[in-house]
Amino acid sequence: MTIGTTIVDFLTANASLLALVPEDSIFPVVANEDTPMPFIVYRYSVSGVEYSKDGHADDNCDFSVLAVSGDYANLQLIVDQIRLSLEFQRTSDTNRIGLSGIDEPVYGDGMYVQKLNFNVQIKSY
C-alpha cells in the first residue's frame, strides 16, 4: 500500500468530484505542462515514524491536495468534494485520515488555488 495510491483511489471513487475534475486531471507532485483547468495535484511526505518494542513501525504521513481552477466558485465546489472524498476515510493499512488545515496560496492570471492539508498514520506489519 502506498499513500499516493490511496489518495487517488478515494478521489476517483467520488463521482461528484469527477464531474468537476476529469480523472486524467489528477496528478502526483506536479500537473503536466499545459493541463487545462480545473485540475488536482497531490503530494505527501512521511513526517515521523513510531517504533514498537518488536521493531515494527507506523509512519505518520502528511499530504496535501491542491485544487486549481479558473473560476473561484467552481474551486469551492471542488474543494468541498475533495474534503468529502478524504476526510475520515480509512483502509486496512491506515488509520483515519484527518484534515489539518486549508489555505489559499496567492496566485494570479485567472488561477485560483486552495490547498487542503491532511494527516494519516500508515500501519506497519
C-alpha atoms as a PDB file:
ATOM      1  CA  MET A   1       0.000   0.000   0.000  1.00  0.00           C
ATOM      2  CA  THR A   2       1.233   3.450  -0.840  1.00  0.00           C
ATOM      3  CA  ILE A   3      -0.454   6.590   0.382  1.00  0.00           C
ATOM      4  CA  GLY A   4      -0.370   8.017  -3.158  1.00  0.00           C
ATOM      5  CA  THR A   5      -2.476   5.134  -4.450  1.00  0.00           C
ATOM      6  CA  THR A   6      -4.861   5.509  -1.515  1.00  0.00           C
ATOM      7  CA  ILE A   7      -5.335   9.230  -2.199  1.00  0.00           C
ATOM      8  CA  VAL A   8      -6.141   8.613  -5.875  1.00  0.00           C
ATOM      9  CA  ASP A   9      -8.459   5.717  -5.054  1.00  0.00           C
ATOM     10  CA  PHE A  10     -10.536   7.846  -2.692  1.00  0.00           C
ATOM     11  CA  LEU A  11     -10.628  10.847  -5.046  1.00  0.00           C
ATOM     12  CA  THR A  12     -11.602   8.839  -8.119  1.00  0.00           C
ATOM     13  CA  ALA A  13     -14.309   6.949  -6.210  1.00  0.00           C
ATOM     14  CA  ASN A  14     -16.245  10.235  -5.842  1.00  0.00           C
ATOM     15  CA  ALA A  15     -18.461  10.669  -8.921  1.00  0.00           C
ATOM     16  CA  SER A  16     -19.373  14.229  -7.879  1.00  0.00           C
ATOM     17  CA  LEU A  17     -15.688  15.183  -7.865  1.00  0.00           C
ATOM     18  CA  LEU A  18     -15.079  13.520 -11.236  1.00  0.00           C
ATOM     19  CA  ALA A  19     -17.983  15.525 -12.668  1.00  0.00           C
ATOM     20  CA  LEU A  20     -15.966  18.651 -11.777  1.00  0.00           C
ATOM     21  CA  VAL A  21     -12.412  17.412 -12.497  1.00  0.00           C
ATOM     22  CA  PRO A  22     -11.701  14.621 -15.015  1.00  0.00           C
ATOM     23  CA  GLU A  23      -9.774  11.627 -13.683  1.00  0.00           C
ATOM     24  CA  ASP A  24      -6.907  12.339 -16.105  1.00  0.00           C
ATOM     25  CA  SER A  25      -6.523  15.781 -14.475  1.00  0.00           C
ATOM     26  CA  ILE A  26      -5.460  14.365 -11.090  1.00  0.00           C
ATOM     27  CA  PHE A  27      -1.659  14.302 -10.762  1.00  0.00           C
ATOM     28  CA  PRO A  28       1.031  13.320  -8.263  1.00  0.00           C
ATOM     29  CA  VAL A  29       3.556  16.040  -7.379  1.00  0.00           C
ATOM     30  CA  VAL A  30       3.030  18.367 -10.380  1.00  0.00           C
ATOM     31  CA  ALA A  31       0.489  18.761 -13.182  1.00  0.00           C
ATOM     32  CA  ASN A  32       1.514  18.121 -16.750  1.00  0.00           C
ATOM     33  CA  GLU A  33       2.513  21.217 -18.675  1.00  0.00           C
ATOM     34  CA  ASP A  34      -0.417  22.941 -20.401  1.00  0.00           C
ATOM     35  CA  THR A  35      -3.021  20.975 -18.416  1.00  0.00           C
ATOM     36  CA  PRO A  36      -6.343  22.815 -18.711  1.00  0.00           C
ATOM     37  CA  MET A  37      -8.058  23.927 -15.517  1.00  0.00           C
ATOM     38  CA  PRO A  38      -9.505  22.608 -13.335  1.00  0.00           C
ATOM     39  CA  PHE A  39      -7.007  20.053 -12.063  1.00  0.00           C
ATOM     40  CA  ILE A  40      -5.795  18.487  -8.818  1.00  0.00           C
ATOM     41  CA  VAL A  41      -2.253  17.842  -7.605  1.00  0.00           C
ATOM     42  CA  TYR A  42      -1.376  15.762  -4.530  1.00  0.00           C
ATOM     43  CA  ARG A  43       1.910  15.204  -2.724  1.00  0.00           C
ATOM     44  CA  TYR A  44       2.930  13.570   0.513  1.00  0.00           C
ATOM     45  CA  SER A  45       5.764  13.195   2.984  1.00  0.00           C
ATOM     46  CA  VAL A  46       6.433  10.979   5.969  1.00  0.00           C
ATOM     47  CA  SER A  47       6.810  13.273   8.963  1.00  0.00           C
ATOM     48  CA  GLY A  48       7.716  10.673  11.573  1.00  0.00           C
ATOM     49  CA  VAL A  49       7.958   7.018  12.446  1.00  0.00           C
ATOM     50  CA  GLU A  50       6.622   5.314  15.576  1.00  0.00           C
ATOM     51  CA  TYR A  51       8.511   2.168  16.604  1.00  0.00           C
ATOM     52  CA  SER A  52       7.305  -0.603  18.888  1.00  0.00           C
ATOM     53  CA  LYS A  53       9.351  -2.963  21.084  1.00  0.00           C
ATOM     54  CA  ASP A  54       9.448  -5.605  18.365  1.00  0.00           C
ATOM     55  CA  GLY A  55      10.736  -3.140  15.770  1.00  0.00           C
ATOM     56  CA  HIS A  56       7.544  -2.601  13.793  1.00  0.00           C
ATOM     57  CA  ALA A  57       6.883   0.967  12.838  1.00  0.00           C
ATOM     58  CA  ASP A  58       3.946   3.091  11.803  1.00  0.00           C
ATOM     59  CA  ASP A  59       4.594   6.029   9.501  1.00  0.00           C
ATOM     60  CA  ASN A  60       2.996   9.386  10.227  1.00  0.00           C
ATOM     61  CA  CYS A  61       2.217  10.841   6.838  1.00  0.00           C
ATOM     62  CA  ASP A  62       1.246  14.384   5.915  1.00  0.00           C
ATOM     63  CA  PHE A  63      -0.199  15.045   2.494  1.00  0.00           C
ATOM     64  CA  SER A  64      -1.656  17.959   0.627  1.00  0.00           C
ATOM     65  CA  VAL A  65      -4.137  18.161  -2.206  1.00  0.00           C
ATOM     66  CA  LEU A  66      -4.108  21.303  -4.333  1.00  0.00           C
ATOM     67  CA  ALA A  67      -7.191  22.224  -6.320  1.00  0.00           C
ATOM     68  CA  VAL A  68      -6.698  24.635  -9.214  1.00  0.00           C
ATOM     69  CA  SER A  69      -9.465  26.327 -11.199  1.00  0.00           C
ATOM     70  CA  GLY A  70     -10.026  29.365 -13.344  1.00  0.00           C
ATOM     71  CA  ASP A  71     -13.314  30.040 -11.544  1.00  0.00           C
ATOM     72  CA  TYR A  72     -13.436  30.709  -7.788  1.00  0.00           C
ATOM     73  CA  ALA A  73     -16.980  29.380  -7.271  1.00  0.00           C
ATOM     74  CA  ASN A  74     -16.062  26.172  -9.113  1.00  0.00           C
ATOM     75  CA  LEU A  75     -12.941  25.888  -6.965  1.00  0.00           C
ATOM     76  CA  GLN A  76     -15.087  25.895  -3.826  1.00  0.00           C
ATOM     77  CA  LEU A  77     -17.185  23.018  -5.178  1.00  0.00           C
ATOM     78  CA  ILE A  78     -14.039  21.037  -5.983  1.00  0.00           C
ATOM     79  CA  VAL A  79     -12.556  21.666  -2.532  1.00  0.00           C
ATOM     80  CA  ASP A  80     -15.778  20.510  -0.854  1.00  0.00           C
ATOM     81  CA  GLN A  81     -15.705  17.264  -2.858  1.00  0.00           C
ATOM     82  CA  ILE A  82     -12.011  16.644  -2.129  1.00  0.00           C
ATOM     83  CA  ARG A  83     -12.716  17.032   1.580  1.00  0.00           C
ATOM     84  CA  LEU A  84     -15.703  14.682   1.383  1.00  0.00           C
ATOM     85  CA  SER A  85     -13.561  12.164  -0.532  1.00  0.00           C
ATOM     86  CA  LEU A  86     -10.744  12.015   2.013  1.00  0.00           C
ATOM     87  CA  GLU A  87     -11.668  13.246   5.488  1.00  0.00           C
ATOM     88  CA  PHE A  88     -12.401  10.433   7.985  1.00  0.00           C
ATOM     89  CA  GLN A  89     -11.608   7.714   5.419  1.00  0.00           C
ATOM     90  CA  ARG A  90      -9.540   4.699   6.414  1.00  0.00           C
ATOM     91  CA  THR A  91      -8.236   1.494   4.893  1.00  0.00           C
ATOM     92  CA  SER A  92      -6.915  -1.732   6.377  1.00  0.00           C
ATOM     93  CA  ASP A  93      -3.431  -0.139   6.091  1.00  0.00           C
ATOM     94  CA  THR A  94      -4.221   3.298   7.510  1.00  0.00           C
ATOM     95  CA  ASN A  95      -5.866   4.928  10.448  1.00  0.00           C
ATOM     96  CA  ARG A  96      -8.497   7.587   9.802  1.00  0.00           C
ATOM     97  CA  ILE A  97      -7.447  10.453   7.523  1.00  0.00           C
ATOM     98  CA  GLY A  98      -7.708  13.793   9.292  1.00  0.00           C
ATOM     99  CA  LEU A  99      -7.922  17.290   7.835  1.00  0.00           C
ATOM    100  CA  SER A 100      -5.267  19.518   9.408  1.00  0.00           C
ATOM    101  CA  GLY A 101      -5.981  22.734   7.511  1.00  0.00           C
ATOM    102  CA  ILE A 102      -6.943  24.543   4.342  1.00  0.00           C
ATOM    103  CA  ASP A 103      -5.106  27.515   2.948  1.00  0.00           C
ATOM    104  CA  GLU A 104      -5.325  29.669  -0.127  1.00  0.00           C
ATOM    105  CA  PRO A 105      -1.937  30.385  -1.682  1.00  0.00           C
ATOM    106  CA  VAL A 106      -1.851  33.560  -3.744  1.00  0.00           C
ATOM    107  CA  TYR A 107      -1.855  33.020  -7.492  1.00  0.00           C
ATOM    108  CA  GLY A 108      -2.769  35.282 -10.382  1.00  0.00           C
ATOM    109  CA  ASP A 109      -3.579  35.284 -14.074  1.00  0.00           C
ATOM    110  CA  GLY A 110      -7.054  33.869 -13.558  1.00  0.00           C
ATOM    111  CA  MET A 111      -5.796  30.924 -11.491  1.00  0.00           C
ATOM    112  CA  TYR A 112      -7.360  30.180  -8.109  1.00  0.00           C
ATOM    113  CA  VAL A 113      -5.778  27.602  -5.792  1.00  0.00           C
ATOM    114  CA  GLN A 114      -6.726  26.031  -2.488  1.00  0.00           C
ATOM    115  CA  LYS A 115      -4.530  23.593  -0.610  1.00  0.00           C
ATOM    116  CA  LEU A 116      -6.042  21.023   1.740  1.00  0.00           C
ATOM    117  CA  ASN A 117      -3.625  19.510   4.261  1.00  0.00           C
ATOM    118  CA  PHE A 118      -4.266  16.068   5.724  1.00  0.00           C
ATOM    119  CA  ASN A 119      -2.533  13.621   8.026  1.00  0.00           C
ATOM    120  CA  VAL A 120      -2.776   9.868   8.425  1.00  0.00           C
ATOM    121  CA  GLN A 121      -0.928   7.089  10.189  1.00  0.00           C
ATOM    122  CA  ILE A 122       0.097   4.173   7.967  1.00  0.00           C
ATOM    123  CA  LYS A 123       0.123   0.874   9.848  1.00  0.00           C
ATOM    124  CA  SER A 124       3.056  -1.491   9.638  1.00  0.00           C
ATOM    125  CA  TYR A 125       3.013  -5.265   9.688  1.00  0.00           C
END
